[in-house]
Amino acid sequence: MHSTAPTGSASGTRTGDTAQIEKLFTDFMAAWTAGDAQAFGALFTDDSEYVSYDGTIARGRRAHQHNHDKLFRGVLAGSALVGDLESVRHLTPDVAIVHGTASVLMPWRSTLPRRRLSRQTIVVVRTEAGWKIGAIHNGRVRPVTVPGPDAFPSRMSKLMARVAHRLGLGRR
């Protein structure tokens, strides 16, 4: 795990905060694996946002708890969330960005399929009750190669743009 924190008098506090944030990530996976929607929901702020791997968004801790209760009792029953915390970057003393990778391990599998790996970008905030998740974006890890300017896809795109322009189609 990579963590960035300033040096000096605040670094001791940041180190303690980073440990608490690491525990939050561990608790996130543990609540999922336990199928405990109440414990899962308790990790979020009341006004949090959760963007799923398919792009849908849920707003509010109650919505996350409700949605995951249905999932834990339905299609994800008995599943485990397994993953790794990649980094914690403190933006302010009360806000940090967390990156992690995780995947849902279904009960009939012993290993994770690579196509199921997701990367989470998590905004965590300090609250009176400790660090909580304010926002999470969960996206599938599906790297694509960026084609060079002279690669076939690039040449075709430029050709189609010229044709569309000549025909008066597209942006105006």
C-alpha atoms as a PDB file:
ATOM      1  CA  MET A   1       0.000   0.000   0.000  1.00  0.00           C
ATOM      2  CA  HIS A   2       1.238   3.441  -0.884  1.00  0.00           C
ATOM      3  CA  SER A   3       0.416   6.373   1.373  1.00  0.00           C
ATOM      4  CA  THR A   4       1.213  10.023   0.930  1.00  0.00           C
ATOM      5  CA  ALA A   5       1.287  12.231   3.959  1.00  0.00           C
ATOM      6  CA  PRO A   6       3.213  15.397   4.650  1.00  0.00           C
ATOM      7  CA  THR A   7       6.195  15.290   6.985  1.00  0.00           C
ATOM      8  CA  GLY A   8       6.459  17.256  10.209  1.00  0.00           C
ATOM      9  CA  SER A   9       4.202  17.495  13.237  1.00  0.00           C
ATOM     10  CA  ALA A  10       1.094  16.399  11.348  1.00  0.00           C
ATOM     11  CA  SER A  11       2.701  13.214  10.024  1.00  0.00           C
ATOM     12  CA  GLY A  12       2.123  11.285  13.280  1.00  0.00           C
ATOM     13  CA  THR A  13      -1.553  12.177  13.156  1.00  0.00           C
ATOM     14  CA  ARG A  14      -1.716  11.247   9.465  1.00  0.00           C
ATOM     15  CA  THR A  15      -0.083   7.894  10.183  1.00  0.00           C
ATOM     16  CA  GLY A  16      -2.790   7.158  12.769  1.00  0.00           C
ATOM     17  CA  ASP A  17      -5.445   8.356  10.348  1.00  0.00           C
ATOM     18  CA  THR A  18      -4.039   6.129   7.606  1.00  0.00           C
ATOM     19  CA  ALA A  19      -4.255   3.132   9.940  1.00  0.00           C
ATOM     20  CA  GLN A  20      -7.909   3.984  10.661  1.00  0.00           C
ATOM     21  CA  ILE A  21      -8.601   4.333   6.931  1.00  0.00           C
ATOM     22  CA  GLU A  22      -6.919   0.981   6.264  1.00  0.00           C
ATOM     23  CA  LYS A  23      -9.222  -0.542   8.900  1.00  0.00           C
ATOM     24  CA  LEU A  24     -12.233   1.091   7.199  1.00  0.00           C
ATOM     25  CA  PHE A  25     -11.263  -0.652   3.935  1.00  0.00           C
ATOM     26  CA  THR A  26     -10.837  -3.964   5.791  1.00  0.00           C
ATOM     27  CA  ASP A  27     -14.198  -3.461   7.541  1.00  0.00           C
ATOM     28  CA  PHE A  28     -15.792  -2.744   4.139  1.00  0.00           C
ATOM     29  CA  MET A  29     -14.666  -6.134   2.828  1.00  0.00           C
ATOM     30  CA  ALA A  30     -15.521  -7.914   6.112  1.00  0.00           C
ATOM     31  CA  ALA A  31     -19.079  -6.521   6.248  1.00  0.00           C
ATOM     32  CA  TRP A  32     -19.626  -7.637   2.645  1.00  0.00           C
ATOM     33  CA  THR A  33     -18.215 -11.111   3.296  1.00  0.00           C
ATOM     34  CA  ALA A  34     -20.381 -11.451   6.403  1.00  0.00           C
ATOM     35  CA  GLY A  35     -23.420 -10.445   4.335  1.00  0.00           C
ATOM     36  CA  ASP A  36     -24.122  -7.793   6.980  1.00  0.00           C
ATOM     37  CA  ALA A  37     -25.930  -4.931   5.249  1.00  0.00           C
ATOM     38  CA  GLN A  38     -26.306  -2.984   8.494  1.00  0.00           C
ATOM     39  CA  ALA A  39     -22.552  -3.073   9.207  1.00  0.00           C
ATOM     40  CA  PHE A  40     -21.901  -2.282   5.533  1.00  0.00           C
ATOM     41  CA  GLY A  41     -24.199   0.748   5.600  1.00  0.00           C
ATOM     42  CA  ALA A  42     -22.648   1.998   8.842  1.00  0.00           C
ATOM     43  CA  LEU A  43     -19.353   2.546   6.985  1.00  0.00           C
ATOM     44  CA  PHE A  44     -20.898   5.347   4.879  1.00  0.00           C
ATOM     45  CA  THR A  45     -21.866   8.940   5.599  1.00  0.00           C
ATOM     46  CA  ASP A  46     -25.577   9.730   5.497  1.00  0.00           C
ATOM     47  CA  ASP A  47     -25.126  11.709   2.240  1.00  0.00           C
ATOM     48  CA  SER A  48     -22.667   9.331   0.546  1.00  0.00           C
ATOM     49  CA  GLU A  49     -22.728   8.303  -3.112  1.00  0.00           C
ATOM     50  CA  TYR A  50     -21.992   4.845  -4.496  1.00  0.00           C
ATOM     51  CA  VAL A  51     -21.303   4.367  -8.215  1.00  0.00           C
ATOM     52  CA  SER A  52     -21.427   0.677  -9.116  1.00  0.00           C
ATOM     53  CA  TYR A  53     -19.271  -1.048 -11.726  1.00  0.00           C
ATOM     54  CA  ASP A  54     -22.155  -0.767 -14.221  1.00  0.00           C
ATOM     55  CA  GLY A  55     -22.383   3.018 -13.773  1.00  0.00           C
ATOM     56  CA  THR A  56     -25.533   3.132 -11.653  1.00  0.00           C
ATOM     57  CA  ILE A  57     -25.492   5.520  -8.711  1.00  0.00           C
ATOM     58  CA  ALA A  58     -27.103   5.255  -5.309  1.00  0.00           C
ATOM     59  CA  ARG A  59     -27.280   8.216  -2.964  1.00  0.00           C
ATOM     60  CA  GLY A  60     -27.377   7.989   0.805  1.00  0.00           C
ATOM     61  CA  ARG A  61     -26.305   5.476   3.412  1.00  0.00           C
ATOM     62  CA  ARG A  62     -29.815   4.025   3.666  1.00  0.00           C
ATOM     63  CA  ALA A  63     -29.875   3.314  -0.073  1.00  0.00           C
ATOM     64  CA  HIS A  64     -26.513   1.509   0.088  1.00  0.00           C
ATOM     65  CA  GLN A  65     -27.689  -0.534   3.046  1.00  0.00           C
ATOM     66  CA  HIS A  66     -31.005  -1.379   1.356  1.00  0.00           C
ATOM     67  CA  ASN A  67     -29.385  -2.277  -1.978  1.00  0.00           C
ATOM     68  CA  HIS A  68     -26.722  -4.439  -0.387  1.00  0.00           C
ATOM     69  CA  ASP A  69     -29.249  -6.155   1.867  1.00  0.00           C
ATOM     70  CA  LYS A  70     -31.077  -7.293  -1.288  1.00  0.00           C
ATOM     71  CA  LEU A  71     -27.773  -8.334  -2.890  1.00  0.00           C
ATOM     72  CA  PHE A  72     -26.493 -10.177   0.201  1.00  0.00           C
ATOM     73  CA  ARG A  73     -29.788 -12.072   0.529  1.00  0.00           C
ATOM     74  CA  GLY A  74     -30.041 -12.587  -3.257  1.00  0.00           C
ATOM     75  CA  VAL A  75     -27.553 -12.889  -6.099  1.00  0.00           C
ATOM     76  CA  LEU A  76     -24.497 -12.259  -3.890  1.00  0.00           C
ATOM     77  CA  ALA A  77     -25.531 -14.518  -1.000  1.00  0.00           C
ATOM     78  CA  GLY A  78     -22.495 -16.256   0.460  1.00  0.00           C
ATOM     79  CA  SER A  79     -20.044 -14.196  -1.581  1.00  0.00           C
ATOM     80  CA  ALA A  80     -16.820 -12.717  -0.240  1.00  0.00           C
ATOM     81  CA  LEU A  81     -15.237  -9.400  -1.145  1.00  0.00           C
ATOM     82  CA  VAL A  82     -11.495  -9.848  -1.458  1.00  0.00           C
ATOM     83  CA  GLY A  83      -8.980  -7.216  -2.401  1.00  0.00           C
ATOM     84  CA  ASP A  84      -6.090  -4.961  -1.606  1.00  0.00           C
ATOM     85  CA  LEU A  85      -5.709  -1.382  -0.529  1.00  0.00           C
ATOM     86  CA  GLU A  86      -3.401   0.310  -3.038  1.00  0.00           C
ATOM     87  CA  SER A  87      -3.013   3.826  -1.674  1.00  0.00           C
ATOM     88  CA  VAL A  88      -4.240   6.491   0.711  1.00  0.00           C
ATOM     89  CA  ARG A  89      -3.674  10.130  -0.211  1.00  0.00           C
ATOM     90  CA  HIS A  90      -4.618  12.775   2.318  1.00  0.00           C
ATOM     91  CA  LEU A  91      -6.111  15.851   0.651  1.00  0.00           C
ATOM     92  CA  THR A  92      -6.816  17.686   3.905  1.00  0.00           C
ATOM     93  CA  PRO A  93      -6.697  16.589   7.553  1.00  0.00           C
ATOM     94  CA  ASP A  94     -10.328  15.466   7.176  1.00  0.00           C
ATOM     95  CA  VAL A  95     -10.468  14.100   3.611  1.00  0.00           C
ATOM     96  CA  ALA A  96      -8.499  11.371   1.857  1.00  0.00           C
ATOM     97  CA  ILE A  97      -8.639   9.534  -1.463  1.00  0.00           C
ATOM     98  CA  VAL A  98      -8.289   5.772  -1.265  1.00  0.00           C
ATOM     99  CA  HIS A  99      -7.589   3.440  -4.173  1.00  0.00           C
ATOM    100  CA  GLY A 100      -8.094  -0.283  -3.874  1.00  0.00           C
ATOM    101  CA  THR A 101      -8.789  -3.287  -5.989  1.00  0.00           C
ATOM    102  CA  ALA A 102     -11.309  -5.924  -5.078  1.00  0.00           C
ATOM    103  CA  SER A 103     -13.486  -8.596  -6.551  1.00  0.00           C
ATOM    104  CA  VAL A 104     -16.478 -10.622  -5.491  1.00  0.00           C
ATOM    105  CA  LEU A 105     -15.622 -14.262  -4.927  1.00  0.00           C
ATOM    106  CA  MET A 106     -18.740 -16.334  -5.369  1.00  0.00           C
ATOM    107  CA  PRO A 107     -19.178 -19.296  -3.011  1.00  0.00           C
ATOM    108  CA  TRP A 108     -18.744 -21.899  -5.754  1.00  0.00           C
ATOM    109  CA  ARG A 109     -15.352 -20.484  -6.841  1.00  0.00           C
ATOM    110  CA  SER A 110     -11.953 -21.002  -5.271  1.00  0.00           C
ATOM    111  CA  THR A 111     -10.163 -18.357  -7.356  1.00  0.00           C
ATOM    112  CA  LEU A 112     -11.145 -14.994  -8.760  1.00  0.00           C
ATOM    113  CA  PRO A 113     -11.769 -14.616 -12.466  1.00  0.00           C
ATOM    114  CA  ARG A 114      -9.577 -11.776 -13.783  1.00  0.00           C
ATOM    115  CA  ARG A 115     -12.520 -10.223 -15.636  1.00  0.00           C
ATOM    116  CA  ARG A 116     -14.252  -9.583 -12.276  1.00  0.00           C
ATOM    117  CA  LEU A 117     -11.479  -7.391 -10.818  1.00  0.00           C
ATOM    118  CA  SER A 118     -12.640  -3.865  -9.991  1.00  0.00           C
ATOM    119  CA  ARG A 119     -10.819  -0.747  -8.860  1.00  0.00           C
ATOM    120  CA  GLN A 120     -12.410   1.429  -6.220  1.00  0.00           C
ATOM    121  CA  THR A 121     -11.802   5.131  -5.865  1.00  0.00           C
ATOM    122  CA  ILE A 122     -13.072   6.042  -2.423  1.00  0.00           C
ATOM    123  CA  VAL A 123     -13.391   9.463  -0.818  1.00  0.00           C
ATOM    124  CA  VAL A 124     -13.207   9.088   2.947  1.00  0.00           C
ATOM    125  CA  VAL A 125     -14.060  11.852   5.385  1.00  0.00           C
ATOM    126  CA  ARG A 126     -13.456  12.317   9.081  1.00  0.00           C
ATOM    127  CA  THR A 127     -16.723  12.428  11.028  1.00  0.00           C
ATOM    128  CA  GLU A 128     -17.506  12.590  14.734  1.00  0.00           C
ATOM    129  CA  ALA A 129     -17.865   8.791  14.548  1.00  0.00           C
ATOM    130  CA  GLY A 130     -14.481   8.310  12.824  1.00  0.00           C
ATOM    131  CA  TRP A 131     -13.550   7.902   9.165  1.00  0.00           C
ATOM    132  CA  LYS A 132     -16.488   7.114   6.854  1.00  0.00           C
ATOM    133  CA  ILE A 133     -16.965   6.618   3.132  1.00  0.00           C
ATOM    134  CA  GLY A 134     -18.336   9.776   1.510  1.00  0.00           C
ATOM    135  CA  ALA A 135     -18.182   8.516  -2.071  1.00  0.00           C
ATOM    136  CA  ILE A 136     -17.103   5.405  -3.897  1.00  0.00           C
ATOM    137  CA  HIS A 137     -16.704   4.689  -7.582  1.00  0.00           C
ATOM    138  CA  ASN A 138     -16.289   1.063  -8.498  1.00  0.00           C
ATOM    139  CA  GLY A 139     -15.082   0.356 -12.046  1.00  0.00           C
ATOM    140  CA  ARG A 140     -14.071  -2.867 -13.729  1.00  0.00           C
ATOM    141  CA  VAL A 141     -10.378  -3.209 -14.524  1.00  0.00           C
ATOM    142  CA  ARG A 142     -10.412  -3.642 -18.281  1.00  0.00           C
ATOM    143  CA  PRO A 143      -7.258  -2.007 -19.618  1.00  0.00           C
ATOM    144  CA  VAL A 144      -7.245  -1.060 -23.261  1.00  0.00           C
ATOM    145  CA  THR A 145      -4.276  -0.049 -25.323  1.00  0.00           C
ATOM    146  CA  VAL A 146      -4.377   3.521 -26.550  1.00  0.00           C
ATOM    147  CA  PRO A 147      -3.728   3.333 -30.295  1.00  0.00           C
ATOM    148  CA  GLY A 148      -1.031   5.542 -31.722  1.00  0.00           C
ATOM    149  CA  PRO A 149      -1.892   8.278 -34.242  1.00  0.00           C
ATOM    150  CA  ASP A 150      -0.865   6.067 -37.175  1.00  0.00           C
ATOM    151  CA  ALA A 151      -2.526   2.854 -35.964  1.00  0.00           C
ATOM    152  CA  PHE A 152      -5.416   1.443 -37.993  1.00  0.00           C
ATOM    153  CA  PRO A 153      -8.182   2.531 -35.527  1.00  0.00           C
ATOM    154  CA  SER A 154      -6.804   6.082 -35.515  1.00  0.00           C
ATOM    155  CA  ARG A 155      -6.566   6.239 -39.308  1.00  0.00           C
ATOM    156  CA  MET A 156     -10.154   4.942 -39.625  1.00  0.00           C
ATOM    157  CA  SER A 157     -11.439   7.476 -37.111  1.00  0.00           C
ATOM    158  CA  LYS A 158      -9.775  10.343 -38.972  1.00  0.00           C
ATOM    159  CA  LEU A 159     -11.141   9.058 -42.290  1.00  0.00           C
ATOM    160  CA  MET A 160     -14.694   8.812 -40.882  1.00  0.00           C
ATOM    161  CA  ALA A 161     -14.376  12.347 -39.453  1.00  0.00           C
ATOM    162  CA  ARG A 162     -13.396  13.698 -42.901  1.00  0.00           C
ATOM    163  CA  VAL A 163     -16.284  11.849 -44.575  1.00  0.00           C
ATOM    164  CA  ALA A 164     -18.784  13.101 -41.959  1.00  0.00           C
ATOM    165  CA  HIS A 165     -17.512  16.652 -42.374  1.00  0.00           C
ATOM    166  CA  ARG A 166     -17.856  16.525 -46.168  1.00  0.00           C
ATOM    167  CA  LEU A 167     -21.374  15.133 -45.860  1.00  0.00           C
ATOM    168  CA  GLY A 168     -22.325  17.780 -43.315  1.00  0.00           C
ATOM    169  CA  LEU A 169     -22.944  15.223 -40.562  1.00  0.00           C
ATOM    170  CA  GLY A 170     -22.004  15.245 -36.903  1.00  0.00           C
ATOM    171  CA  ARG A 171     -21.022  18.310 -34.875  1.00  0.00           C
ATOM    172  CA  ARG A 172     -21.746  21.705 -36.250  1.00  0.00           C
END
